[in-house]
Amino acid sequence: MDEYWLAVVWSLLPTVVICVIFWYVLRSILRFDRTERRAYARIEAEERAKRGLPPRDAAE
């Protein structure tokens, strides 16, 4: 019976590892996108303030 469970673990292990790697990469991409958008919004707000324009929300 031990050989059966060992075979089950070894057959599922590659799938689980690939899923964990995929989840980590996707999470990293989404976090990077969120922080990048936040940085661009901050830069845009600074540039609008330098030019004396209203904030973007008020301009729309």
PDB file of N, CA and C in Angstrom:
ATOM      1  N   MET A   1       0.815  -1.196   0.000  1.00  0.00           N
ATOM      2  CA  MET A   1       0.000   0.000   0.000  1.00  0.00           C
ATOM      3  C   MET A   1       0.857   1.257   0.000  1.00  0.00           C
ATOM      4  N   ASP A   2       2.045   1.193   0.601  1.00  0.00           N
ATOM      5  CA  ASP A   2       2.913   2.359   0.634  1.00  0.00           C
ATOM      6  C   ASP A   2       3.379   2.738  -0.768  1.00  0.00           C
ATOM      7  N   GLU A   3       3.617   1.768  -1.596  1.00  0.00           N
ATOM      8  CA  GLU A   3       4.047   2.057  -2.961  1.00  0.00           C
ATOM      9  C   GLU A   3       2.960   2.779  -3.740  1.00  0.00           C
ATOM     10  N   TYR A   4       1.712   2.455  -3.456  1.00  0.00           N
ATOM     11  CA  TYR A   4       0.594   3.106  -4.134  1.00  0.00           C
ATOM     12  C   TYR A   4       0.571   4.599  -3.815  1.00  0.00           C
ATOM     13  N   TRP A   5       0.662   4.944  -2.535  1.00  0.00           N
ATOM     14  CA  TRP A   5       0.613   6.358  -2.137  1.00  0.00           C
ATOM     15  C   TRP A   5       1.855   7.106  -2.595  1.00  0.00           C
ATOM     16  N   LEU A   6       2.977   6.422  -2.612  1.00  0.00           N
ATOM     17  CA  LEU A   6       4.191   7.050  -3.127  1.00  0.00           C
ATOM     18  C   LEU A   6       4.035   7.365  -4.612  1.00  0.00           C
ATOM     19  N   ALA A   7       3.432   6.455  -5.355  1.00  0.00           N
ATOM     20  CA  ALA A   7       3.176   6.690  -6.782  1.00  0.00           C
ATOM     21  C   ALA A   7       2.193   7.837  -6.973  1.00  0.00           C
ATOM     22  N   VAL A   8       1.192   7.932  -6.116  1.00  0.00           N
ATOM     23  CA  VAL A   8       0.220   9.024  -6.198  1.00  0.00           C
ATOM     24  C   VAL A   8       0.909  10.361  -5.953  1.00  0.00           C
ATOM     25  N   VAL A   9       1.731  10.415  -4.928  1.00  0.00           N
ATOM     26  CA  VAL A   9       2.438  11.660  -4.606  1.00  0.00           C
ATOM     27  C   VAL A   9       3.372  12.054  -5.747  1.00  0.00           C
ATOM     28  N   TRP A  10       4.144  11.110  -6.257  1.00  0.00           N
ATOM     29  CA  TRP A  10       5.077  11.422  -7.335  1.00  0.00           C
ATOM     30  C   TRP A  10       4.370  11.819  -8.629  1.00  0.00           C
ATOM     31  N   SER A  11       3.177  11.312  -8.842  1.00  0.00           N
ATOM     32  CA  SER A  11       2.459  11.681 -10.067  1.00  0.00           C
ATOM     33  C   SER A  11       1.778  13.039  -9.927  1.00  0.00           C
ATOM     34  N   LEU A  12       1.390  13.419  -8.717  1.00  0.00           N
ATOM     35  CA  LEU A  12       0.741  14.715  -8.510  1.00  0.00           C
ATOM     36  C   LEU A  12       1.735  15.845  -8.252  1.00  0.00           C
ATOM     37  N   LEU A  13       2.905  15.524  -7.800  1.00  0.00           N
ATOM     38  CA  LEU A  13       3.889  16.538  -7.433  1.00  0.00           C
ATOM     39  C   LEU A  13       4.242  17.497  -8.579  1.00  0.00           C
ATOM     40  N   PRO A  14       4.517  17.040  -9.795  1.00  0.00           N
ATOM     41  CA  PRO A  14       4.833  17.991 -10.870  1.00  0.00           C
ATOM     42  C   PRO A  14       3.694  18.964 -11.168  1.00  0.00           C
ATOM     43  N   THR A  15       2.472  18.480 -11.121  1.00  0.00           N
ATOM     44  CA  THR A  15       1.323  19.340 -11.373  1.00  0.00           C
ATOM     45  C   THR A  15       1.194  20.399 -10.290  1.00  0.00           C
ATOM     46  N   VAL A  16       1.363  20.007  -9.058  1.00  0.00           N
ATOM     47  CA  VAL A  16       1.255  20.947  -7.946  1.00  0.00           C
ATOM     48  C   VAL A  16       2.375  21.987  -8.024  1.00  0.00           C
ATOM     49  N   VAL A  17       3.575  21.564  -8.335  1.00  0.00           N
ATOM     50  CA  VAL A  17       4.704  22.490  -8.435  1.00  0.00           C
ATOM     51  C   VAL A  17       4.480  23.502  -9.562  1.00  0.00           C
ATOM     52  N   ILE A  18       4.014  23.042 -10.705  1.00  0.00           N
ATOM     53  CA  ILE A  18       3.742  23.938 -11.832  1.00  0.00           C
ATOM     54  C   ILE A  18       2.634  24.921 -11.471  1.00  0.00           C
ATOM     55  N   CYS A  19       1.607  24.452 -10.772  1.00  0.00           N
ATOM     56  CA  CYS A  19       0.520  25.345 -10.353  1.00  0.00           C
ATOM     57  C   CYS A  19       1.019  26.418  -9.390  1.00  0.00           C
ATOM     58  N   VAL A  20       1.864  26.039  -8.464  1.00  0.00           N
ATOM     59  CA  VAL A  20       2.415  27.014  -7.508  1.00  0.00           C
ATOM     60  C   VAL A  20       3.286  28.039  -8.234  1.00  0.00           C
ATOM     61  N   ILE A  21       4.109  27.601  -9.161  1.00  0.00           N
ATOM     62  CA  ILE A  21       4.953  28.526  -9.922  1.00  0.00           C
ATOM     63  C   ILE A  21       4.085  29.462 -10.757  1.00  0.00           C
ATOM     64  N   PHE A  22       3.067  28.932 -11.426  1.00  0.00           N
ATOM     65  CA  PHE A  22       2.160  29.752 -12.221  1.00  0.00           C
ATOM     66  C   PHE A  22       1.462  30.787 -11.358  1.00  0.00           C
ATOM     67  N   TRP A  23       0.970  30.369 -10.187  1.00  0.00           N
ATOM     68  CA  TRP A  23       0.287  31.286  -9.274  1.00  0.00           C
ATOM     69  C   TRP A  23       1.238  32.402  -8.829  1.00  0.00           C
ATOM     70  N   TYR A  24       2.472  32.063  -8.501  1.00  0.00           N
ATOM     71  CA  TYR A  24       3.431  33.061  -8.052  1.00  0.00           C
ATOM     72  C   TYR A  24       3.761  34.060  -9.162  1.00  0.00           C
ATOM     73  N   VAL A  25       3.971  33.579 -10.374  1.00  0.00           N
ATOM     74  CA  VAL A  25       4.284  34.463 -11.498  1.00  0.00           C
ATOM     75  C   VAL A  25       3.102  35.382 -11.800  1.00  0.00           C
ATOM     76  N   LEU A  26       1.904  34.835 -11.824  1.00  0.00           N
ATOM     77  CA  LEU A  26       0.726  35.655 -12.100  1.00  0.00           C
ATOM     78  C   LEU A  26       0.517  36.695 -11.013  1.00  0.00           C
ATOM     79  N   ARG A  27       0.710  36.310  -9.765  1.00  0.00           N
ATOM     80  CA  ARG A  27       0.578  37.256  -8.652  1.00  0.00           C
ATOM     81  C   ARG A  27       1.617  38.370  -8.763  1.00  0.00           C
ATOM     82  N   SER A  28       2.826  38.025  -9.142  1.00  0.00           N
ATOM     83  CA  SER A  28       3.883  39.016  -9.300  1.00  0.00           C
ATOM     84  C   SER A  28       3.566  39.999 -10.425  1.00  0.00           C
ATOM     85  N   ILE A  29       3.040  39.494 -11.530  1.00  0.00           N
ATOM     86  CA  ILE A  29       2.679  40.363 -12.651  1.00  0.00           C
ATOM     87  C   ILE A  29       1.579  41.331 -12.236  1.00  0.00           C
ATOM     88  N   LEU A  30       0.570  40.831 -11.540  1.00  0.00           N
ATOM     89  CA  LEU A  30      -0.532  41.699 -11.126  1.00  0.00           C
ATOM     90  C   LEU A  30      -0.080  42.742 -10.110  1.00  0.00           C
ATOM     91  N   ARG A  31       0.784  42.357  -9.193  1.00  0.00           N
ATOM     92  CA  ARG A  31       1.305  43.337  -8.231  1.00  0.00           C
ATOM     93  C   ARG A  31       2.165  44.382  -8.921  1.00  0.00           C
ATOM     94  N   PHE A  32       2.979  43.965  -9.871  1.00  0.00           N
ATOM     95  CA  PHE A  32       3.814  44.899 -10.610  1.00  0.00           C
ATOM     96  C   PHE A  32       2.946  45.893 -11.363  1.00  0.00           C
ATOM     97  N   ASP A  33       1.886  45.402 -12.009  1.00  0.00           N
ATOM     98  CA  ASP A  33       0.988  46.284 -12.758  1.00  0.00           C
ATOM     99  C   ASP A  33       0.323  47.295 -11.832  1.00  0.00           C
ATOM    100  N   ARG A  34      -0.117  46.843 -10.669  1.00  0.00           N
ATOM    101  CA  ARG A  34      -0.776  47.744  -9.721  1.00  0.00           C
ATOM    102  C   ARG A  34       0.177  48.832  -9.239  1.00  0.00           C
ATOM    103  N   THR A  35       1.399  48.460  -8.885  1.00  0.00           N
ATOM    104  CA  THR A  35       2.346  49.463  -8.400  1.00  0.00           C
ATOM    105  C   THR A  35       2.792  50.397  -9.520  1.00  0.00           C
ATOM    106  N   GLU A  36       2.890  49.873 -10.743  1.00  0.00           N
ATOM    107  CA  GLU A  36       3.275  50.704 -11.881  1.00  0.00           C
ATOM    108  C   GLU A  36       2.194  51.745 -12.178  1.00  0.00           C
ATOM    109  N   ARG A  37       0.935  51.339 -12.133  1.00  0.00           N
ATOM    110  CA  ARG A  37      -0.160  52.290 -12.345  1.00  0.00           C
ATOM    111  C   ARG A  37      -0.179  53.355 -11.255  1.00  0.00           C
ATOM    112  N   ARG A  38       0.087  52.963 -10.034  1.00  0.00           N
ATOM    113  CA  ARG A  38       0.125  53.919  -8.924  1.00  0.00           C
ATOM    114  C   ARG A  38       1.258  54.922  -9.131  1.00  0.00           C
ATOM    115  N   ALA A  39       2.400  54.445  -9.588  1.00  0.00           N
ATOM    116  CA  ALA A  39       3.539  55.338  -9.825  1.00  0.00           C
ATOM    117  C   ALA A  39       3.236  56.308 -10.969  1.00  0.00           C
ATOM    118  N   TYR A  40       2.642  55.822 -12.058  1.00  0.00           N
ATOM    119  CA  TYR A  40       2.295  56.706 -13.168  1.00  0.00           C
ATOM    120  C   TYR A  40       1.244  57.732 -12.753  1.00  0.00           C
ATOM    121  N   ALA A  41       0.292  57.336 -11.935  1.00  0.00           N
ATOM    122  CA  ALA A  41      -0.726  58.275 -11.454  1.00  0.00           C
ATOM    123  C   ALA A  41      -0.080  59.363 -10.602  1.00  0.00           C
ATOM    124  N   ARG A  42       0.880  58.983  -9.770  1.00  0.00           N
ATOM    125  CA  ARG A  42       1.570  59.972  -8.935  1.00  0.00           C
ATOM    126  C   ARG A  42       2.364  60.940  -9.807  1.00  0.00           C
ATOM    127  N   ILE A  43       3.065  60.428 -10.798  1.00  0.00           N
ATOM    128  CA  ILE A  43       3.845  61.274 -11.701  1.00  0.00           C
ATOM    129  C   ILE A  43       2.922  62.218 -12.472  1.00  0.00           C
ATOM    130  N   GLU A  44       1.800  61.687 -12.950  1.00  0.00           N
ATOM    131  CA  GLU A  44       0.859  62.527 -13.692  1.00  0.00           C
ATOM    132  C   GLU A  44       0.301  63.633 -12.799  1.00  0.00           C
ATOM    133  N   ALA A  45      -0.015  63.295 -11.554  1.00  0.00           N
ATOM    134  CA  ALA A  45      -0.526  64.306 -10.623  1.00  0.00           C
ATOM    135  C   ALA A  45       0.519  65.389 -10.371  1.00  0.00           C
ATOM    136  N   GLU A  46       1.780  65.003 -10.226  1.00  0.00           N
ATOM    137  CA  GLU A  46       2.847  65.996 -10.025  1.00  0.00           C
ATOM    138  C   GLU A  46       2.988  66.909 -11.243  1.00  0.00           C
ATOM    139  N   GLU A  47       2.937  66.322 -12.439  1.00  0.00           N
ATOM    140  CA  GLU A  47       3.070  67.118 -13.664  1.00  0.00           C
ATOM    141  C   GLU A  47       1.880  68.062 -13.850  1.00  0.00           C
ATOM    142  N   ARG A  48       0.679  67.595 -13.536  1.00  0.00           N
ATOM    143  CA  ARG A  48      -0.492  68.458 -13.642  1.00  0.00           C
ATOM    144  C   ARG A  48      -0.391  69.600 -12.638  1.00  0.00           C
ATOM    145  N   ALA A  49       0.104  69.317 -11.448  1.00  0.00           N
ATOM    146  CA  ALA A  49       0.254  70.363 -10.433  1.00  0.00           C
ATOM    147  C   ALA A  49       1.296  71.390 -10.874  1.00  0.00           C
ATOM    148  N   LYS A  50       2.384  70.947 -11.507  1.00  0.00           N
ATOM    149  CA  LYS A  50       3.410  71.868 -11.994  1.00  0.00           C
ATOM    150  C   LYS A  50       2.848  72.822 -13.036  1.00  0.00           C
ATOM    151  N   ARG A  51       1.949  72.323 -13.873  1.00  0.00           N
ATOM    152  CA  ARG A  51       1.377  73.142 -14.946  1.00  0.00           C
ATOM    153  C   ARG A  51       0.162  73.944 -14.492  1.00  0.00           C
ATOM    154  N   GLY A  52      -0.262  73.766 -13.250  1.00  0.00           N
ATOM    155  CA  GLY A  52      -1.404  74.496 -12.729  1.00  0.00           C
ATOM    156  C   GLY A  52      -2.741  73.945 -13.191  1.00  0.00           C
ATOM    157  N   LEU A  53      -2.761  72.718 -13.647  1.00  0.00           N
ATOM    158  CA  LEU A  53      -4.001  72.090 -14.095  1.00  0.00           C
ATOM    159  C   LEU A  53      -4.715  71.457 -12.912  1.00  0.00           C
ATOM    160  N   PRO A  54      -6.029  71.309 -13.007  1.00  0.00           N
ATOM    161  CA  PRO A  54      -6.743  70.646 -11.904  1.00  0.00           C
ATOM    162  C   PRO A  54      -6.398  69.173 -11.865  1.00  0.00           C
ATOM    163  N   PRO A  55      -6.637  68.516 -10.733  1.00  0.00           N
ATOM    164  CA  PRO A  55      -6.406  67.073 -10.675  1.00  0.00           C
ATOM    165  C   PRO A  55      -7.228  66.353 -11.733  1.00  0.00           C
ATOM    166  N   ARG A  56      -6.778  65.191 -12.092  1.00  0.00           N
ATOM    167  CA  ARG A  56      -7.416  64.458 -13.208  1.00  0.00           C
ATOM    168  C   ARG A  56      -8.888  64.180 -12.936  1.00  0.00           C
ATOM    169  N   ASP A  57      -9.259  63.857 -11.708  1.00  0.00           N
ATOM    170  CA  ASP A  57     -10.664  63.564 -11.390  1.00  0.00           C
ATOM    171  C   ASP A  57     -11.539  64.798 -11.584  1.00  0.00           C
ATOM    172  N   ALA A  58     -11.012  65.970 -11.259  1.00  0.00           N
ATOM    173  CA  ALA A  58     -11.785  67.192 -11.405  1.00  0.00           C
ATOM    174  C   ALA A  58     -11.877  67.629 -12.871  1.00  0.00           C
ATOM    175  N   ALA A  59     -10.913  67.219 -13.683  1.00  0.00           N
ATOM    176  CA  ALA A  59     -10.886  67.629 -15.086  1.00  0.00           C
ATOM    177  C   ALA A  59     -11.912  66.871 -15.919  1.00  0.00           C
ATOM    178  N   GLU A  60     -12.318  65.702 -15.469  1.00  0.00           N
ATOM    179  CA  GLU A  60     -13.245  64.894 -16.273  1.00  0.00           C
ATOM    180  C   GLU A  60     -14.672  65.245 -16.032  1.00  0.00           C
TER     181      GLU A  60
END
